[in-house]
Amino acid sequence: MVIAIIAVLIALLLPAVQQAREAARRTQCKNNMKQLGLALHNYNDTHNKLPSNTGAYVPAPSGFVNPNFNPGRGAGFLVHLLPFFDQGPLYNSINFSSGTWPLASTSNPTYENAILPALKCPSYTVLGTGTPNPAYTNYTASMGAQSLGNPNGCTLYPGNSLGDGSSGNGDSLTGSEISGIFSRGGYSARFRDVSDGLSNVIFMGETRPNCGDFQLGSWATPDANWNATTSPINFDTCKGAGGCGASNSWNTSMGFKSLHVGGAQFLLGDGTVRFISENIDYTTYQRLGGRADGNTVGEF
């Protein structure tokens, strides 16, 4: 009888303990994003612009067609931010003029494989297809309501819904072709480019690295560091299903995702971190992604 009572008590207490642990993990995850928001603001104060993907790189090989962008070379925007979130020594260990190409690769293990807890959400576990580099990040830059190309048969969310993100793969250096703050290539906005207001625009959000085509790499790699508001929050591409559920259907797989119940956390341009419901109105979500679409966001 006593054993049965103890079993019932454990059954009652266990969910409460699990909820308390997840609440603590979610708070830590939120604090990590706040630190990145502070880092972005400090970077902008120093350089009068935000850091860019592929912006910290050595020259491409002779004869390379487009020296400004290649998915396998350069460095992600988080490399630029290292000195601004207590990773100055790691940043100083990178020789940007070494002639090594690409900058972020397995031939440069010092930083490529550096595991940084500040870039990981404690709630994340690898559930789904693909195994990310142990030096993954759960926090990625936002391209906004972007046209991403490579739909892989999925036509549900083609992107560019606000007419402000027309570059097919988000790899443009031209700001008028990028809806959000960052591009897959070398573009990044200045604060003055965010005409919708910093508090109304998503700068970063959460991701599940094993659910997207590019995000199995480390935090240092350009193609591990971007997402878009193109698909709804937590759209499931983690099971390896075909069509819109495929990890290589960019317009859905490169959407923001988390393992928090009911939504994900986002860093807004004013430095605040908001938990946004996965049931948010789709148009409102796109307007939060666009930095200069001119539309009123409203409540979310």
Protein backbone atom coordinates (compact mmCIF):
# COMPACT_ATOMS: atom_id res chain seq x y z
CA MET A 1 0.00 0.00 0.00
CA VAL A 2 2.79 2.39 0.99
CA ILE A 3 4.64 1.64 -2.26
CA ALA A 4 1.49 2.38 -4.26
CA ILE A 5 1.05 5.73 -2.49
CA ILE A 6 4.68 6.65 -3.16
CA ALA A 7 4.24 5.73 -6.84
CA VAL A 8 1.18 7.99 -7.10
CA LEU A 9 3.04 10.87 -5.44
CA ILE A 10 5.97 10.49 -7.84
CA ALA A 11 3.58 10.43 -10.78
CA LEU A 12 2.03 13.67 -9.53
CA LEU A 13 5.30 15.42 -8.76
CA LEU A 14 7.31 14.45 -11.83
CA PRO A 15 5.46 16.68 -14.33
CA ALA A 16 5.81 19.64 -11.95
CA VAL A 17 9.55 19.04 -11.65
CA GLN A 18 9.90 18.76 -15.40
CA GLN A 19 7.96 22.00 -15.92
CA ALA A 20 10.15 23.79 -13.38
CA ARG A 21 13.29 22.57 -15.14
CA GLU A 22 12.01 23.69 -18.54
CA ALA A 23 11.08 27.09 -17.10
CA ALA A 24 14.67 27.46 -15.87
CA ARG A 25 16.07 26.36 -19.26
CA ARG A 26 13.79 28.76 -21.09
CA THR A 27 14.91 31.62 -18.85
CA GLN A 28 18.56 30.81 -19.56
CA CYS A 29 17.78 30.66 -23.27
CA LYS A 30 16.15 34.08 -23.04
CA ASN A 31 19.15 35.51 -21.19
CA ASN A 32 21.50 34.18 -23.89
CA MET A 33 19.51 36.04 -26.53
CA LYS A 34 19.53 39.21 -24.44
CA GLN A 35 23.33 39.07 -24.30
CA LEU A 36 23.44 38.71 -28.09
CA GLY A 37 21.13 41.70 -28.40
CA LEU A 38 23.48 43.75 -26.24
CA ALA A 39 26.39 42.54 -28.36
CA LEU A 40 24.63 43.64 -31.56
CA HIS A 41 24.01 47.10 -30.13
CA ASN A 42 27.60 47.45 -28.97
CA TYR A 43 28.84 46.30 -32.37
CA ASN A 44 26.63 48.85 -34.08
CA ASP A 45 27.88 51.61 -31.76
CA THR A 46 31.44 50.68 -32.67
CA HIS A 47 31.10 50.12 -36.43
CA ASN A 48 27.93 52.06 -37.31
CA LYS A 49 26.44 48.94 -38.89
CA LEU A 50 25.48 45.43 -37.93
CA PRO A 51 27.76 42.42 -38.58
CA SER A 52 27.29 40.47 -41.79
CA ASN A 53 27.54 36.86 -42.86
CA THR A 54 30.64 36.27 -45.03
CA GLY A 55 31.85 39.74 -44.12
CA ALA A 56 34.90 38.55 -42.18
CA TYR A 57 36.75 36.56 -44.79
CA VAL A 58 39.99 36.41 -46.73
CA PRO A 59 39.96 36.82 -50.53
CA ALA A 60 38.49 34.01 -52.62
CA PRO A 61 40.73 32.02 -54.95
CA SER A 62 41.76 33.63 -58.20
CA GLY A 63 39.09 33.38 -60.90
CA PHE A 64 36.21 32.73 -58.49
CA VAL A 65 33.01 34.02 -60.12
CA ASN A 66 31.48 35.94 -57.22
CA PRO A 67 34.03 36.92 -54.57
CA ASN A 68 31.31 38.37 -52.35
CA PHE A 69 29.44 35.17 -51.62
CA ASN A 70 29.86 31.45 -51.47
CA PRO A 71 28.08 29.14 -49.00
CA GLY A 72 31.29 27.31 -48.12
CA ARG A 73 33.50 30.25 -47.34
CA GLY A 74 33.73 33.28 -45.14
CA ALA A 75 32.41 33.48 -41.61
CA GLY A 76 29.04 33.92 -39.99
CA PHE A 77 28.00 37.16 -38.33
CA LEU A 78 28.57 35.60 -34.92
CA VAL A 79 32.32 35.61 -35.63
CA HIS A 80 32.17 39.42 -35.72
CA LEU A 81 30.29 39.48 -32.42
CA LEU A 82 32.81 37.39 -30.46
CA PRO A 83 34.55 40.34 -28.77
CA PHE A 84 31.18 41.72 -27.73
CA PHE A 85 30.04 38.71 -25.68
CA ASP A 86 33.22 37.89 -23.76
CA GLN A 87 34.93 35.88 -26.50
CA GLY A 88 37.70 38.35 -27.34
CA PRO A 89 40.54 35.82 -26.96
CA LEU A 90 38.85 33.43 -29.41
CA TYR A 91 38.34 36.26 -31.89
CA ASN A 92 41.98 37.33 -31.55
CA SER A 93 43.10 33.77 -32.33
CA ILE A 94 41.68 34.06 -35.87
CA ASN A 95 44.15 35.24 -38.49
CA PHE A 96 41.91 36.97 -41.02
CA SER A 97 44.80 37.55 -43.41
CA SER A 98 46.29 34.06 -43.27
CA GLY A 99 45.35 33.20 -46.85
CA THR A 100 43.39 30.18 -45.59
CA TRP A 101 40.22 29.61 -47.61
CA PRO A 102 37.52 29.30 -46.47
CA LEU A 103 37.91 31.13 -43.18
CA ALA A 104 35.41 28.90 -41.38
CA SER A 105 36.17 25.28 -42.14
CA THR A 106 37.35 22.08 -40.52
CA SER A 107 40.91 23.14 -41.41
CA ASN A 108 40.53 25.86 -38.76
CA PRO A 109 39.37 23.84 -35.75
CA THR A 110 40.32 26.42 -33.11
CA TYR A 111 37.17 28.41 -33.64
CA GLU A 112 35.15 26.28 -36.07
CA ASN A 113 34.71 23.59 -33.43
CA ALA A 114 34.70 25.80 -30.34
CA ILE A 115 31.65 24.90 -28.26
CA LEU A 116 30.15 28.09 -26.85
CA PRO A 117 27.37 27.57 -24.27
CA ALA A 118 26.24 31.18 -24.74
CA LEU A 119 25.09 30.24 -28.25
CA LYS A 120 23.05 27.22 -27.17
CA CYS A 121 19.53 26.99 -25.80
CA PRO A 122 19.47 24.49 -22.90
CA SER A 123 16.00 23.32 -23.97
CA TYR A 124 17.29 21.99 -27.27
CA THR A 125 17.87 18.29 -27.85
CA VAL A 126 18.48 16.63 -31.19
CA LEU A 127 15.09 15.24 -32.13
CA GLY A 128 14.71 14.53 -35.81
CA THR A 129 16.94 13.97 -38.80
CA GLY A 130 20.55 15.07 -39.03
CA THR A 131 23.24 15.44 -36.38
CA PRO A 132 24.63 18.96 -36.01
CA ASN A 133 28.23 19.90 -35.37
CA PRO A 134 28.68 19.94 -31.55
CA ALA A 135 29.59 23.62 -31.97
CA TYR A 136 26.12 24.46 -33.30
CA THR A 137 24.10 27.55 -32.40
CA ASN A 138 20.40 27.84 -31.62
CA TYR A 139 20.34 31.57 -32.39
CA THR A 140 20.27 32.77 -35.96
CA ALA A 141 19.94 36.02 -37.88
CA SER A 142 16.67 37.00 -39.50
CA MET A 143 16.29 37.64 -43.24
CA GLY A 144 12.64 38.54 -42.64
CA ALA A 145 9.83 37.82 -45.10
CA GLN A 146 12.28 36.60 -47.68
CA SER A 147 12.02 34.66 -50.92
CA LEU A 148 14.32 31.71 -50.28
CA GLY A 149 14.23 29.67 -53.49
CA ASN A 150 14.63 25.88 -53.62
CA PRO A 151 11.04 25.05 -52.57
CA ASN A 152 11.56 21.32 -53.26
CA GLY A 153 7.96 20.96 -54.35
CA CYS A 154 6.50 23.10 -51.57
CA THR A 155 4.52 26.14 -52.69
CA LEU A 156 2.79 27.00 -49.41
CA TYR A 157 5.11 29.82 -48.40
CA PRO A 158 6.95 31.30 -51.39
CA GLY A 159 8.18 34.33 -49.44
CA ASN A 160 8.45 37.99 -50.46
CA SER A 161 4.84 38.37 -49.30
CA LEU A 162 5.41 42.04 -48.47
CA GLY A 163 7.30 42.78 -51.68
CA ASP A 164 10.49 43.56 -49.77
CA GLY A 165 12.47 40.34 -50.03
CA SER A 166 12.91 39.44 -53.69
CA SER A 167 16.38 37.87 -53.79
CA GLY A 168 15.84 34.20 -54.67
CA ASN A 169 18.22 32.78 -52.10
CA GLY A 170 18.67 35.75 -49.82
CA ASP A 171 22.28 36.01 -50.97
CA SER A 172 22.09 39.59 -52.21
CA LEU A 173 24.41 42.42 -51.24
CA THR A 174 21.60 44.86 -52.08
CA GLY A 175 19.44 45.93 -49.17
CA SER A 176 16.35 46.49 -51.30
CA GLU A 177 16.28 42.75 -52.06
CA ILE A 178 16.48 41.69 -48.41
CA SER A 179 13.39 41.93 -46.20
CA GLY A 180 15.04 41.63 -42.81
CA ILE A 181 18.22 42.67 -41.08
CA PHE A 182 20.73 40.19 -42.48
CA SER A 183 21.28 38.37 -45.75
CA ARG A 184 22.83 35.03 -46.53
CA GLY A 185 25.54 36.98 -48.32
CA GLY A 186 27.35 40.13 -47.26
CA TYR A 187 24.45 42.51 -46.58
CA SER A 188 23.54 43.69 -43.11
CA ALA A 189 21.42 46.66 -42.15
CA ARG A 190 22.28 49.78 -40.23
CA PHE A 191 19.92 50.90 -37.50
CA ARG A 192 18.84 53.80 -39.71
CA ASP A 193 17.65 51.24 -42.30
CA VAL A 194 15.09 49.87 -39.83
CA SER A 195 12.40 52.41 -40.62
CA ASP A 196 9.62 50.30 -39.08
CA GLY A 197 11.16 50.88 -35.65
CA LEU A 198 13.58 48.69 -33.72
CA SER A 199 10.87 47.41 -31.37
CA ASN A 200 8.79 46.19 -34.33
CA VAL A 201 11.40 44.12 -36.16
CA ILE A 202 12.89 40.69 -35.48
CA PHE A 203 16.69 40.66 -35.49
CA MET A 204 17.30 37.06 -34.35
CA GLY A 205 15.33 33.98 -33.40
CA GLU A 206 15.66 30.38 -32.33
CA THR A 207 16.38 27.43 -34.56
CA ARG A 208 16.66 23.65 -34.36
CA PRO A 209 19.87 22.91 -36.29
CA ASN A 210 18.94 19.38 -37.29
CA CYS A 211 15.76 20.52 -39.04
CA GLY A 212 17.22 22.83 -41.69
CA ASP A 213 19.26 22.19 -44.78
CA PHE A 214 22.19 24.42 -43.81
CA GLN A 215 22.22 24.46 -40.03
CA LEU A 216 24.20 21.34 -39.26
CA GLY A 217 27.39 23.41 -39.31
CA SER A 218 28.99 25.38 -36.51
CA TRP A 219 28.16 28.85 -35.26
CA ALA A 220 31.10 30.19 -37.32
CA THR A 221 29.80 29.06 -40.71
CA PRO A 222 27.75 31.56 -42.77
CA ASP A 223 25.15 29.02 -43.87
CA ALA A 224 24.44 27.93 -40.32
CA ASN A 225 23.42 31.37 -39.23
CA TRP A 226 20.32 32.55 -41.05
CA ASN A 227 16.59 31.97 -40.93
CA ALA A 228 13.50 33.75 -42.20
CA THR A 229 9.95 34.48 -41.10
CA THR A 230 8.76 33.03 -44.42
CA SER A 231 7.16 29.94 -42.85
CA PRO A 232 5.14 29.82 -39.62
CA ILE A 233 6.96 29.38 -36.31
CA ASN A 234 7.74 25.73 -35.51
CA PHE A 235 6.72 24.48 -38.96
CA ASP A 236 7.78 20.83 -38.73
CA THR A 237 10.63 19.85 -41.04
CA CYS A 238 12.33 17.68 -38.44
CA LYS A 239 10.94 14.28 -39.41
CA GLY A 240 12.48 14.04 -42.87
CA ALA A 241 9.11 14.06 -44.62
CA GLY A 242 8.85 15.03 -48.28
CA GLY A 243 7.53 18.22 -49.84
CA CYS A 244 6.97 21.02 -47.37
CA GLY A 245 8.19 18.80 -44.54
CA ALA A 246 11.60 18.22 -46.10
CA SER A 247 14.73 19.66 -44.51
CA ASN A 248 15.85 20.89 -47.94
CA SER A 249 12.63 22.78 -48.62
CA TRP A 250 14.15 26.12 -47.72
CA ASN A 251 10.97 28.15 -47.45
CA THR A 252 9.83 25.91 -44.59
CA SER A 253 13.00 24.34 -43.17
CA MET A 254 14.77 27.69 -42.78
CA GLY A 255 11.99 29.04 -40.60
CA PHE A 256 12.44 29.73 -36.89
CA LYS A 257 11.85 26.75 -34.60
CA SER A 258 12.26 25.78 -30.97
CA LEU A 259 11.43 23.01 -28.54
CA HIS A 260 9.57 25.40 -26.25
CA VAL A 261 5.91 24.49 -26.13
CA GLY A 262 3.74 26.73 -28.28
CA GLY A 263 6.26 29.06 -29.88
CA ALA A 264 9.81 30.38 -29.90
CA GLN A 265 11.83 33.26 -28.51
CA PHE A 266 12.90 36.19 -30.65
CA LEU A 267 15.27 39.11 -30.24
CA LEU A 268 13.79 42.40 -31.39
CA GLY A 269 15.85 45.33 -32.55
CA ASP A 270 15.44 47.28 -29.31
CA GLY A 271 17.17 44.46 -27.42
CA THR A 272 14.06 42.91 -25.90
CA VAL A 273 13.39 39.18 -26.14
CA ARG A 274 9.81 38.12 -26.77
CA PHE A 275 8.22 34.68 -26.76
CA ILE A 276 6.02 34.66 -29.86
CA SER A 277 3.24 32.13 -30.21
CA GLU A 278 3.35 29.72 -33.13
CA ASN A 279 -0.29 30.73 -33.68
CA ILE A 280 0.55 34.36 -34.41
CA ASP A 281 -1.28 35.84 -37.38
CA TYR A 282 0.83 35.04 -40.43
CA THR A 283 0.73 38.57 -41.88
CA THR A 284 1.70 40.08 -38.52
CA TYR A 285 4.64 37.70 -38.34
CA GLN A 286 5.82 38.73 -41.81
CA ARG A 287 5.58 42.39 -40.84
CA LEU A 288 7.73 41.67 -37.81
CA GLY A 289 10.26 40.16 -40.19
CA GLY A 290 10.37 43.09 -42.59
CA ARG A 291 12.51 46.02 -41.46
CA ALA A 292 11.03 48.64 -43.78
CA ASP A 293 7.74 47.39 -45.20
CA GLY A 294 5.87 50.39 -43.81
CA ASN A 295 3.03 48.37 -42.31
CA THR A 296 1.70 48.61 -38.76
CA VAL A 297 2.50 45.52 -36.71
CA GLY A 298 -0.22 45.72 -34.07
CA GLU A 299 -0.46 43.44 -31.04
CA PHE A 300 1.38 40.10 -31.05
